[in-house]
Amino acid sequence: MISRRNFVILGAGAMGLAACDAGLLGNGVGSNGSSTIDARVDATRDYLFSSYPGTQTIAQNAKGVLYIPLVTEVGVGFGGSFGRGALRINDVTVDYYSATSASFGLQIGAQQYAHAIFFMTDEALSNFRRSNGWVAGAGVEYATPQQGGNVGRDTTEIDPVTVFIFGQQGLIVGATIEGVKYSRIIP
């Protein structure tokens, strides 16, 4: 006999896996490597610039931009997310990275989204590239399309590292504690 709690957890997990099945395939897992990631980054960059024109100016003034085209996130109490992308300097790929997170809290659901991290100073970019696994956390400015007014700010007012999250699909609700770890990969 399955308890109500276990039934809810199993149902939510199945729903999350079903919702993310296409996302996992689209995340580059089992892909053809760097050419596939670069093609997805190009499409993500083009979508970002056409949908949120202010980001193009920010990218032109950035010392580097890390594009993660698709992050798949699932949570039922415990949660996690994964995505892969490329760091570009002067719009040329210099490294590939994975973004992985784990979370804990009152949460249920699944979602997919893309994000771009703009490194506005040489120091911020250097710190990111030298790290053995950079964790986004305190001191990072997050923006979403709903906060689009932040995107049009003068670049002299932008924080050294700004993350722009966009293209959200799916639903995950709750309050969690999490951080995202970015690690250099070889696709």
N, C-alpha and C. Protein backbone atom coordinates (compact mmCIF):
# COMPACT_ATOMS: atom_id res chain seq x y z
N MET A 1 0.85 -1.18 0.00
CA MET A 1 0.00 0.00 0.00
C MET A 1 0.90 1.25 0.00
N ILE A 2 0.66 2.16 -0.92
CA ILE A 2 1.43 3.39 -1.02
C ILE A 2 0.74 4.47 -0.21
N SER A 3 1.50 5.13 0.65
CA SER A 3 0.93 6.22 1.44
C SER A 3 0.64 7.42 0.55
N ARG A 4 -0.21 8.30 1.02
CA ARG A 4 -0.57 9.51 0.27
C ARG A 4 0.69 10.34 -0.02
N ARG A 5 1.56 10.46 0.97
CA ARG A 5 2.78 11.26 0.81
C ARG A 5 3.65 10.68 -0.30
N ASN A 6 3.88 9.36 -0.26
CA ASN A 6 4.71 8.72 -1.28
C ASN A 6 4.06 8.81 -2.66
N PHE A 7 2.73 8.71 -2.71
CA PHE A 7 2.01 8.83 -3.97
C PHE A 7 2.23 10.22 -4.57
N VAL A 8 2.13 11.25 -3.74
CA VAL A 8 2.34 12.62 -4.21
C VAL A 8 3.77 12.81 -4.70
N ILE A 9 4.73 12.30 -3.94
CA ILE A 9 6.13 12.43 -4.33
C ILE A 9 6.41 11.68 -5.63
N LEU A 10 5.91 10.44 -5.75
CA LEU A 10 6.12 9.68 -6.98
C LEU A 10 5.43 10.34 -8.17
N GLY A 11 4.22 10.83 -7.97
CA GLY A 11 3.49 11.51 -9.05
C GLY A 11 4.20 12.78 -9.50
N ALA A 12 4.65 13.56 -8.54
CA ALA A 12 5.36 14.80 -8.88
C ALA A 12 6.68 14.49 -9.59
N GLY A 13 7.37 13.47 -9.13
CA GLY A 13 8.62 13.09 -9.78
C GLY A 13 8.40 12.63 -11.21
N ALA A 14 7.37 11.82 -11.41
CA ALA A 14 7.05 11.35 -12.76
C ALA A 14 6.67 12.52 -13.66
N MET A 15 5.87 13.44 -13.11
CA MET A 15 5.46 14.61 -13.88
C MET A 15 6.69 15.45 -14.24
N GLY A 16 7.58 15.62 -13.28
CA GLY A 16 8.78 16.41 -13.53
C GLY A 16 9.67 15.77 -14.59
N LEU A 17 9.84 14.45 -14.51
CA LEU A 17 10.66 13.76 -15.51
C LEU A 17 10.01 13.81 -16.88
N ALA A 18 8.70 13.66 -16.93
CA ALA A 18 8.00 13.76 -18.22
C ALA A 18 8.15 15.16 -18.81
N ALA A 19 8.02 16.17 -17.96
CA ALA A 19 8.12 17.55 -18.43
C ALA A 19 9.52 17.87 -18.91
N CYS A 20 10.52 17.22 -18.33
CA CYS A 20 11.91 17.56 -18.65
C CYS A 20 12.56 16.59 -19.63
N ASP A 21 11.84 15.55 -20.03
CA ASP A 21 12.43 14.56 -20.93
C ASP A 21 13.03 15.22 -22.16
N ALA A 22 12.28 16.04 -22.83
CA ALA A 22 12.81 16.73 -24.01
C ALA A 22 13.91 17.69 -23.61
N GLY A 23 13.82 18.27 -22.43
CA GLY A 23 14.83 19.21 -21.97
C GLY A 23 16.17 18.54 -21.76
N LEU A 24 16.17 17.31 -21.23
CA LEU A 24 17.43 16.62 -21.03
C LEU A 24 18.09 16.32 -22.37
N LEU A 25 17.30 15.93 -23.36
CA LEU A 25 17.88 15.70 -24.68
C LEU A 25 18.38 17.00 -25.28
N GLY A 26 17.67 18.08 -25.02
CA GLY A 26 18.05 19.38 -25.54
C GLY A 26 19.18 20.03 -24.78
N ASN A 27 19.57 19.48 -23.66
CA ASN A 27 20.63 20.05 -22.84
C ASN A 27 22.02 19.67 -23.34
N GLY A 28 22.11 18.84 -24.32
CA GLY A 28 23.42 18.46 -24.81
C GLY A 28 23.90 17.14 -24.26
N VAL A 29 23.11 16.48 -23.40
CA VAL A 29 23.50 15.19 -22.87
C VAL A 29 23.50 14.21 -24.04
N GLY A 30 24.61 13.58 -24.29
CA GLY A 30 24.71 12.66 -25.41
C GLY A 30 24.84 13.39 -26.76
N SER A 31 25.24 14.64 -26.73
CA SER A 31 25.30 15.44 -27.96
C SER A 31 26.61 15.22 -28.71
N ASN A 32 26.74 15.94 -29.82
CA ASN A 32 27.95 15.87 -30.63
C ASN A 32 29.02 16.83 -30.15
N GLY A 33 28.93 17.27 -28.94
CA GLY A 33 29.99 18.07 -28.36
C GLY A 33 29.92 19.54 -28.65
N SER A 34 31.09 20.12 -28.87
CA SER A 34 31.22 21.57 -28.94
C SER A 34 30.41 22.21 -30.06
N SER A 35 30.31 21.57 -31.22
CA SER A 35 29.55 22.18 -32.32
C SER A 35 28.07 22.30 -31.97
N THR A 36 27.54 21.32 -31.26
CA THR A 36 26.14 21.37 -30.84
C THR A 36 25.93 22.47 -29.81
N ILE A 37 26.83 22.56 -28.84
CA ILE A 37 26.70 23.61 -27.83
C ILE A 37 26.83 24.98 -28.47
N ASP A 38 27.80 25.16 -29.37
CA ASP A 38 27.97 26.45 -30.04
C ASP A 38 26.73 26.85 -30.84
N ALA A 39 26.11 25.89 -31.53
CA ALA A 39 24.90 26.20 -32.30
C ALA A 39 23.78 26.64 -31.37
N ARG A 40 23.65 25.98 -30.23
CA ARG A 40 22.60 26.35 -29.26
C ARG A 40 22.90 27.71 -28.64
N VAL A 41 24.16 27.99 -28.40
CA VAL A 41 24.55 29.29 -27.84
C VAL A 41 24.24 30.40 -28.85
N ASP A 42 24.55 30.17 -30.13
CA ASP A 42 24.24 31.16 -31.16
C ASP A 42 22.74 31.47 -31.19
N ALA A 43 21.93 30.43 -31.17
CA ALA A 43 20.47 30.62 -31.20
C ALA A 43 19.98 31.35 -29.95
N THR A 44 20.55 31.01 -28.80
CA THR A 44 20.16 31.65 -27.54
C THR A 44 20.56 33.12 -27.54
N ARG A 45 21.78 33.41 -27.97
CA ARG A 45 22.25 34.79 -28.05
C ARG A 45 21.36 35.61 -28.98
N ASP A 46 21.05 35.07 -30.14
CA ASP A 46 20.20 35.78 -31.10
C ASP A 46 18.81 36.04 -30.54
N TYR A 47 18.25 35.04 -29.85
CA TYR A 47 16.92 35.21 -29.22
C TYR A 47 16.98 36.29 -28.14
N LEU A 48 18.01 36.24 -27.32
CA LEU A 48 18.17 37.21 -26.23
C LEU A 48 18.24 38.63 -26.80
N PHE A 49 19.08 38.84 -27.80
CA PHE A 49 19.26 40.18 -28.37
C PHE A 49 18.00 40.67 -29.08
N SER A 50 17.29 39.79 -29.76
CA SER A 50 16.07 40.24 -30.46
C SER A 50 14.91 40.46 -29.51
N SER A 51 14.82 39.67 -28.45
CA SER A 51 13.72 39.80 -27.49
C SER A 51 13.95 40.90 -26.47
N TYR A 52 15.21 41.13 -26.11
CA TYR A 52 15.57 42.11 -25.08
C TYR A 52 16.74 42.94 -25.62
N PRO A 53 16.44 43.91 -26.50
CA PRO A 53 17.49 44.65 -27.21
C PRO A 53 18.54 45.30 -26.31
N GLY A 54 18.19 45.68 -25.10
CA GLY A 54 19.16 46.29 -24.19
C GLY A 54 20.31 45.37 -23.83
N THR A 55 20.10 44.06 -23.96
CA THR A 55 21.18 43.12 -23.62
C THR A 55 22.31 43.15 -24.64
N GLN A 56 22.02 43.58 -25.87
CA GLN A 56 23.06 43.63 -26.88
C GLN A 56 24.13 44.66 -26.51
N THR A 57 23.70 45.81 -26.00
CA THR A 57 24.65 46.84 -25.56
C THR A 57 25.45 46.35 -24.36
N ILE A 58 24.77 45.66 -23.45
CA ILE A 58 25.47 45.12 -22.28
C ILE A 58 26.53 44.12 -22.74
N ALA A 59 26.17 43.23 -23.67
CA ALA A 59 27.13 42.23 -24.15
C ALA A 59 28.32 42.89 -24.85
N GLN A 60 28.07 43.96 -25.60
CA GLN A 60 29.17 44.65 -26.29
C GLN A 60 30.14 45.27 -25.30
N ASN A 61 29.64 45.69 -24.14
CA ASN A 61 30.50 46.30 -23.13
C ASN A 61 31.07 45.29 -22.13
N ALA A 62 30.58 44.06 -22.17
CA ALA A 62 31.04 43.03 -21.24
C ALA A 62 32.42 42.51 -21.66
N LYS A 63 33.19 42.10 -20.68
CA LYS A 63 34.50 41.50 -20.95
C LYS A 63 34.35 40.05 -21.40
N GLY A 64 33.21 39.44 -21.07
CA GLY A 64 32.89 38.07 -21.47
C GLY A 64 31.45 37.77 -21.10
N VAL A 65 30.87 36.81 -21.82
CA VAL A 65 29.49 36.40 -21.54
C VAL A 65 29.43 34.88 -21.55
N LEU A 66 28.86 34.31 -20.49
CA LEU A 66 28.61 32.87 -20.43
C LEU A 66 27.14 32.65 -20.76
N TYR A 67 26.88 31.94 -21.86
CA TYR A 67 25.51 31.62 -22.26
C TYR A 67 25.23 30.17 -21.90
N ILE A 68 24.16 29.94 -21.16
CA ILE A 68 23.67 28.60 -20.89
C ILE A 68 22.31 28.50 -21.57
N PRO A 69 22.24 27.85 -22.75
CA PRO A 69 21.02 27.88 -23.55
C PRO A 69 19.81 27.21 -22.93
N LEU A 70 20.01 26.16 -22.14
CA LEU A 70 18.87 25.45 -21.58
C LEU A 70 19.26 24.82 -20.26
N VAL A 71 18.57 25.24 -19.21
CA VAL A 71 18.74 24.64 -17.89
C VAL A 71 17.43 23.94 -17.56
N THR A 72 17.51 22.69 -17.18
CA THR A 72 16.34 21.93 -16.77
C THR A 72 16.39 21.78 -15.26
N GLU A 73 15.30 22.16 -14.59
CA GLU A 73 15.24 22.14 -13.13
C GLU A 73 14.01 21.35 -12.69
N VAL A 74 14.20 20.44 -11.74
CA VAL A 74 13.12 19.64 -11.18
C VAL A 74 13.26 19.68 -9.66
N GLY A 75 12.12 19.80 -8.97
CA GLY A 75 12.17 19.81 -7.52
C GLY A 75 10.93 19.24 -6.88
N VAL A 76 11.14 18.38 -5.88
CA VAL A 76 10.09 17.87 -5.00
C VAL A 76 10.75 17.79 -3.63
N GLY A 77 10.72 18.89 -2.88
CA GLY A 77 11.47 18.95 -1.62
C GLY A 77 12.93 19.19 -1.93
N PHE A 78 13.60 18.13 -2.39
CA PHE A 78 14.96 18.26 -2.91
C PHE A 78 14.84 18.52 -4.41
N GLY A 79 15.77 19.29 -4.95
CA GLY A 79 15.70 19.58 -6.37
C GLY A 79 17.08 19.72 -6.96
N GLY A 80 17.10 19.88 -8.24
CA GLY A 80 18.36 20.08 -8.91
C GLY A 80 18.15 20.59 -10.31
N SER A 81 19.23 21.07 -10.91
CA SER A 81 19.16 21.55 -12.28
C SER A 81 20.48 21.28 -12.98
N PHE A 82 20.42 21.29 -14.32
CA PHE A 82 21.62 21.06 -15.10
C PHE A 82 21.48 21.74 -16.45
N GLY A 83 22.59 22.29 -16.95
CA GLY A 83 22.65 22.87 -18.29
C GLY A 83 24.11 22.98 -18.71
N ARG A 84 24.32 23.16 -20.01
CA ARG A 84 25.67 23.34 -20.53
C ARG A 84 25.69 24.54 -21.47
N GLY A 85 26.84 25.19 -21.55
CA GLY A 85 26.94 26.36 -22.41
C GLY A 85 28.37 26.72 -22.70
N ALA A 86 28.56 27.96 -23.19
CA ALA A 86 29.89 28.39 -23.62
C ALA A 86 30.17 29.80 -23.12
N LEU A 87 31.43 30.02 -22.73
CA LEU A 87 31.92 31.34 -22.38
C LEU A 87 32.48 31.97 -23.65
N ARG A 88 32.01 33.17 -23.94
CA ARG A 88 32.47 33.87 -25.13
C ARG A 88 33.13 35.20 -24.74
N ILE A 89 34.25 35.45 -25.36
CA ILE A 89 34.95 36.73 -25.23
C ILE A 89 35.02 37.30 -26.63
N ASN A 90 34.54 38.53 -26.80
CA ASN A 90 34.43 39.14 -28.14
C ASN A 90 33.64 38.23 -29.08
N ASP A 91 32.61 37.58 -28.54
CA ASP A 91 31.69 36.69 -29.27
C ASP A 91 32.39 35.47 -29.86
N VAL A 92 33.53 35.08 -29.29
CA VAL A 92 34.25 33.87 -29.71
C VAL A 92 34.29 32.93 -28.51
N THR A 93 33.91 31.67 -28.72
CA THR A 93 33.92 30.69 -27.64
C THR A 93 35.35 30.41 -27.19
N VAL A 94 35.58 30.54 -25.88
CA VAL A 94 36.91 30.26 -25.32
C VAL A 94 36.89 29.05 -24.38
N ASP A 95 35.74 28.73 -23.80
CA ASP A 95 35.61 27.59 -22.89
C ASP A 95 34.16 27.13 -22.87
N TYR A 96 33.97 25.89 -22.42
CA TYR A 96 32.63 25.32 -22.23
C TYR A 96 32.42 25.05 -20.75
N TYR A 97 31.18 25.24 -20.30
CA TYR A 97 30.86 25.11 -18.88
C TYR A 97 29.55 24.35 -18.68
N SER A 98 29.47 23.68 -17.54
CA SER A 98 28.18 23.13 -17.11
C SER A 98 27.72 23.96 -15.92
N ALA A 99 26.41 24.04 -15.78
CA ALA A 99 25.79 24.72 -14.63
C ALA A 99 24.96 23.67 -13.91
N THR A 100 25.29 23.44 -12.64
CA THR A 100 24.61 22.43 -11.85
C THR A 100 24.18 23.05 -10.53
N SER A 101 22.97 22.70 -10.09
CA SER A 101 22.54 23.19 -8.78
C SER A 101 21.81 22.09 -8.04
N ALA A 102 21.81 22.24 -6.75
CA ALA A 102 21.01 21.40 -5.86
C ALA A 102 20.27 22.35 -4.94
N SER A 103 19.05 21.98 -4.60
CA SER A 103 18.27 22.86 -3.74
C SER A 103 17.48 22.03 -2.74
N PHE A 104 17.08 22.69 -1.68
CA PHE A 104 16.29 22.06 -0.64
C PHE A 104 15.29 23.09 -0.14
N GLY A 105 14.08 22.66 0.05
CA GLY A 105 13.06 23.55 0.59
C GLY A 105 11.68 23.11 0.19
N LEU A 106 10.73 23.97 0.38
CA LEU A 106 9.35 23.70 0.01
C LEU A 106 9.19 24.00 -1.48
N GLN A 107 9.30 22.97 -2.31
CA GLN A 107 9.24 23.16 -3.75
C GLN A 107 8.62 21.95 -4.41
N ILE A 108 7.98 22.19 -5.54
CA ILE A 108 7.46 21.11 -6.36
C ILE A 108 7.29 21.64 -7.78
N GLY A 109 7.69 20.83 -8.75
CA GLY A 109 7.49 21.21 -10.14
C GLY A 109 8.74 21.01 -10.98
N ALA A 110 8.64 21.52 -12.20
CA ALA A 110 9.75 21.44 -13.15
C ALA A 110 9.69 22.65 -14.06
N GLN A 111 10.84 23.12 -14.48
CA GLN A 111 10.89 24.24 -15.41
C GLN A 111 12.18 24.17 -16.22
N GLN A 112 12.18 24.91 -17.32
CA GLN A 112 13.36 25.07 -18.14
C GLN A 112 13.54 26.55 -18.41
N TYR A 113 14.77 26.97 -18.53
CA TYR A 113 15.06 28.37 -18.80
C TYR A 113 16.47 28.48 -19.37
N ALA A 114 16.78 29.65 -19.87
CA ALA A 114 18.13 29.95 -20.36
C ALA A 114 18.66 31.10 -19.50
N HIS A 115 19.96 31.24 -19.46
CA HIS A 115 20.51 32.43 -18.81
C HIS A 115 21.85 32.80 -19.43
N ALA A 116 22.14 34.07 -19.27
CA ALA A 116 23.41 34.62 -19.74
C ALA A 116 24.04 35.37 -18.58
N ILE A 117 25.33 35.15 -18.38
CA ILE A 117 26.06 35.83 -17.31
C ILE A 117 27.02 36.81 -17.98
N PHE A 118 26.83 38.07 -17.68
CA PHE A 118 27.66 39.14 -18.24
C PHE A 118 28.73 39.50 -17.24
N PHE A 119 30.01 39.35 -17.61
CA PHE A 119 31.13 39.73 -16.77
C PHE A 119 31.57 41.11 -17.24
N MET A 120 31.29 42.12 -16.43
CA MET A 120 31.47 43.51 -16.85
C MET A 120 32.86 44.06 -16.56
N THR A 121 33.66 43.35 -15.76
CA THR A 121 35.01 43.82 -15.45
C THR A 121 36.02 42.71 -15.75
N ASP A 122 37.25 43.10 -16.02
CA ASP A 122 38.31 42.12 -16.24
C ASP A 122 38.50 41.26 -15.00
N GLU A 123 38.40 41.87 -13.83
CA GLU A 123 38.58 41.14 -12.58
C GLU A 123 37.51 40.07 -12.40
N ALA A 124 36.25 40.41 -12.67
CA ALA A 124 35.17 39.44 -12.52
C ALA A 124 35.36 38.27 -13.48
N LEU A 125 35.73 38.56 -14.72
CA LEU A 125 35.96 37.50 -15.70
C LEU A 125 37.15 36.65 -15.30
N SER A 126 38.22 37.27 -14.87
CA SER A 126 39.41 36.54 -14.45
C SER A 126 39.12 35.64 -13.26
N ASN A 127 38.40 36.14 -12.28
CA ASN A 127 38.03 35.33 -11.11
C ASN A 127 37.22 34.11 -11.52
N PHE A 128 36.29 34.31 -12.45
CA PHE A 128 35.47 33.20 -12.94
C PHE A 128 36.33 32.15 -13.63
N ARG A 129 37.20 32.59 -14.53
CA ARG A 129 38.00 31.66 -15.32
C ARG A 129 39.05 30.92 -14.50
N ARG A 130 39.58 31.55 -13.47
CA ARG A 130 40.60 30.92 -12.62
C ARG A 130 40.01 29.95 -11.62
N SER A 131 38.73 30.10 -11.31
CA SER A 131 38.13 29.28 -10.25
C SER A 131 38.03 27.83 -10.67
N ASN A 132 37.99 26.98 -9.67
CA ASN A 132 37.89 25.55 -9.88
C ASN A 132 36.44 25.09 -9.92
N GLY A 133 35.53 25.96 -9.78
CA GLY A 133 34.10 25.68 -9.74
C GLY A 133 33.42 26.87 -9.12
N TRP A 134 33.05 27.79 -9.92
CA TRP A 134 32.52 29.07 -9.48
C TRP A 134 31.07 28.93 -9.07
N VAL A 135 30.69 29.47 -7.93
CA VAL A 135 29.33 29.38 -7.45
C VAL A 135 28.70 30.76 -7.45
N ALA A 136 27.59 30.89 -8.19
CA ALA A 136 26.85 32.15 -8.20
C ALA A 136 26.10 32.27 -6.88
N GLY A 137 26.18 33.42 -6.27
CA GLY A 137 25.51 33.61 -4.99
C GLY A 137 25.43 35.08 -4.68
N ALA A 138 25.76 35.41 -3.46
CA ALA A 138 25.67 36.79 -3.01
C ALA A 138 26.50 37.70 -3.90
N GLY A 139 26.00 38.88 -4.14
CA GLY A 139 26.73 39.87 -4.91
C GLY A 139 26.50 39.77 -6.41
N VAL A 140 25.63 38.85 -6.85
CA VAL A 140 25.32 38.73 -8.26
C VAL A 140 23.94 39.30 -8.50
N GLU A 141 23.82 40.16 -9.49
CA GLU A 141 22.53 40.78 -9.83
C GLU A 141 21.78 39.86 -10.78
N TYR A 142 20.56 39.47 -10.40
CA TYR A 142 19.72 38.64 -11.25
C TYR A 142 18.65 39.50 -11.88
N ALA A 143 18.39 39.29 -13.15
CA ALA A 143 17.33 40.01 -13.85
C ALA A 143 16.48 39.00 -14.61
N THR A 144 15.21 39.28 -14.71
CA THR A 144 14.30 38.47 -15.51
C THR A 144 13.56 39.41 -16.44
N PRO A 145 12.90 38.88 -17.47
CA PRO A 145 12.16 39.76 -18.38
C PRO A 145 11.14 40.63 -17.64
N GLN A 146 10.58 40.14 -16.56
CA GLN A 146 9.62 40.94 -15.80
C GLN A 146 10.31 42.13 -15.13
N GLN A 147 11.61 42.06 -14.97
CA GLN A 147 12.38 43.15 -14.38
C GLN A 147 13.18 43.84 -15.49
N GLY A 148 12.62 43.87 -16.68
CA GLY A 148 13.33 44.36 -17.86
C GLY A 148 13.88 45.76 -17.72
N GLY A 149 13.35 46.57 -16.81
CA GLY A 149 13.88 47.91 -16.61
C GLY A 149 15.33 47.88 -16.20
N ASN A 150 15.76 46.83 -15.53
CA ASN A 150 17.15 46.71 -15.11
C ASN A 150 18.08 46.52 -16.30
N VAL A 151 17.56 45.94 -17.37
CA VAL A 151 18.40 45.62 -18.50
C VAL A 151 18.84 46.87 -19.25
N GLY A 152 18.02 47.91 -19.24
CA GLY A 152 18.34 49.11 -19.98
C GLY A 152 19.23 50.09 -19.24
N ARG A 153 19.73 49.72 -18.07
CA ARG A 153 20.57 50.64 -17.30
C ARG A 153 21.86 50.97 -18.03
N ASP A 154 22.40 52.13 -17.72
CA ASP A 154 23.71 52.52 -18.23
C ASP A 154 24.72 51.48 -17.75
N THR A 155 25.60 51.03 -18.63
CA THR A 155 26.53 49.95 -18.25
C THR A 155 27.50 50.36 -17.15
N THR A 156 27.63 51.63 -16.88
CA THR A 156 28.49 52.03 -15.77
C THR A 156 27.82 51.74 -14.44
N GLU A 157 26.51 51.51 -14.45
CA GLU A 157 25.78 51.22 -13.21
C GLU A 157 25.61 49.73 -12.98
N ILE A 158 26.00 48.91 -13.93
CA ILE A 158 25.77 47.47 -13.82
C ILE A 158 26.83 46.85 -12.91
N ASP A 159 26.39 45.88 -12.12
CA ASP A 159 27.29 45.16 -11.22
C ASP A 159 28.38 44.44 -12.02
N PRO A 160 29.48 44.06 -11.37
CA PRO A 160 30.56 43.36 -12.08
C PRO A 160 30.10 42.06 -12.74
N VAL A 161 29.09 41.40 -12.15
CA VAL A 161 28.53 40.18 -12.72
C VAL A 161 27.02 40.32 -12.69
N THR A 162 26.39 40.17 -13.86
CA THR A 162 24.94 40.25 -13.95
C THR A 162 24.43 39.01 -14.66
N VAL A 163 23.42 38.36 -14.08
CA VAL A 163 22.81 37.18 -14.68
C VAL A 163 21.43 37.57 -15.19
N PHE A 164 21.17 37.27 -16.45
CA PHE A 164 19.87 37.54 -17.05
C PHE A 164 19.21 36.21 -17.36
N ILE A 165 18.08 35.94 -16.71
CA ILE A 165 17.34 34.69 -16.86
C ILE A 165 16.16 34.96 -17.78
N PHE A 166 15.96 34.08 -18.78
CA PHE A 166 14.89 34.31 -19.75
C PHE A 166 14.42 32.98 -20.34
N GLY A 167 13.29 33.04 -21.07
CA GLY A 167 12.77 31.87 -21.75
C GLY A 167 12.20 30.81 -20.82
N GLN A 168 11.69 31.20 -19.66
CA GLN A 168 11.18 30.23 -18.71
C GLN A 168 9.95 29.50 -19.27
N GLN A 169 9.93 28.18 -19.07
CA GLN A 169 8.79 27.34 -19.41
C GLN A 169 8.62 26.33 -18.30
N GLY A 170 7.37 26.02 -17.99
CA GLY A 170 7.08 25.08 -16.92
C GLY A 170 6.73 25.84 -15.66
N LEU A 171 6.62 25.12 -14.58
CA LEU A 171 6.24 25.75 -13.31
C LEU A 171 6.92 25.02 -12.16
N ILE A 172 7.57 25.79 -11.35
CA ILE A 172 8.11 25.27 -10.10
C ILE A 172 7.77 26.31 -9.04
N VAL A 173 7.19 25.86 -7.96
CA VAL A 173 6.78 26.78 -6.91
C VAL A 173 7.44 26.39 -5.60
N GLY A 174 7.65 27.40 -4.77
CA GLY A 174 8.19 27.13 -3.45
C GLY A 174 9.30 28.10 -3.10
N ALA A 175 9.86 27.88 -1.94
CA ALA A 175 10.97 28.68 -1.45
C ALA A 175 12.11 27.73 -1.14
N THR A 176 13.27 27.99 -1.71
CA THR A 176 14.39 27.07 -1.56
C THR A 176 15.68 27.81 -1.25
N ILE A 177 16.66 27.05 -0.83
CA ILE A 177 18.02 27.54 -0.67
C ILE A 177 18.84 26.80 -1.72
N GLU A 178 19.52 27.56 -2.57
CA GLU A 178 20.32 26.90 -3.59
C GLU A 178 21.44 27.81 -4.07
N GLY A 179 22.35 27.21 -4.77
CA GLY A 179 23.41 27.93 -5.44
C GLY A 179 23.70 27.20 -6.73
N VAL A 180 24.26 27.88 -7.70
CA VAL A 180 24.58 27.25 -8.98
C VAL A 180 26.09 27.17 -9.10
N LYS A 181 26.58 25.99 -9.40
CA LYS A 181 28.02 25.80 -9.59
C LYS A 181 28.31 25.68 -11.08
N TYR A 182 29.26 26.49 -11.52
CA TYR A 182 29.69 26.49 -12.92
C TYR A 182 31.06 25.81 -12.98
N SER A 183 31.18 24.80 -13.81
CA SER A 183 32.42 24.05 -13.92
C SER A 183 32.83 23.95 -15.38
N ARG A 184 34.13 24.12 -15.64
CA ARG A 184 34.66 23.99 -17.00
C ARG A 184 34.54 22.53 -17.41
N ILE A 185 34.11 22.31 -18.67
CA ILE A 185 33.95 20.95 -19.19
C ILE A 185 34.65 20.85 -20.55
N ILE A 186 34.86 19.62 -20.97
CA ILE A 186 35.32 19.34 -22.32
C ILE A 186 34.19 18.57 -22.99
N PRO A 187 33.49 19.21 -23.94
CA PRO A 187 32.32 18.54 -24.54
C PRO A 187 32.71 17.37 -25.45
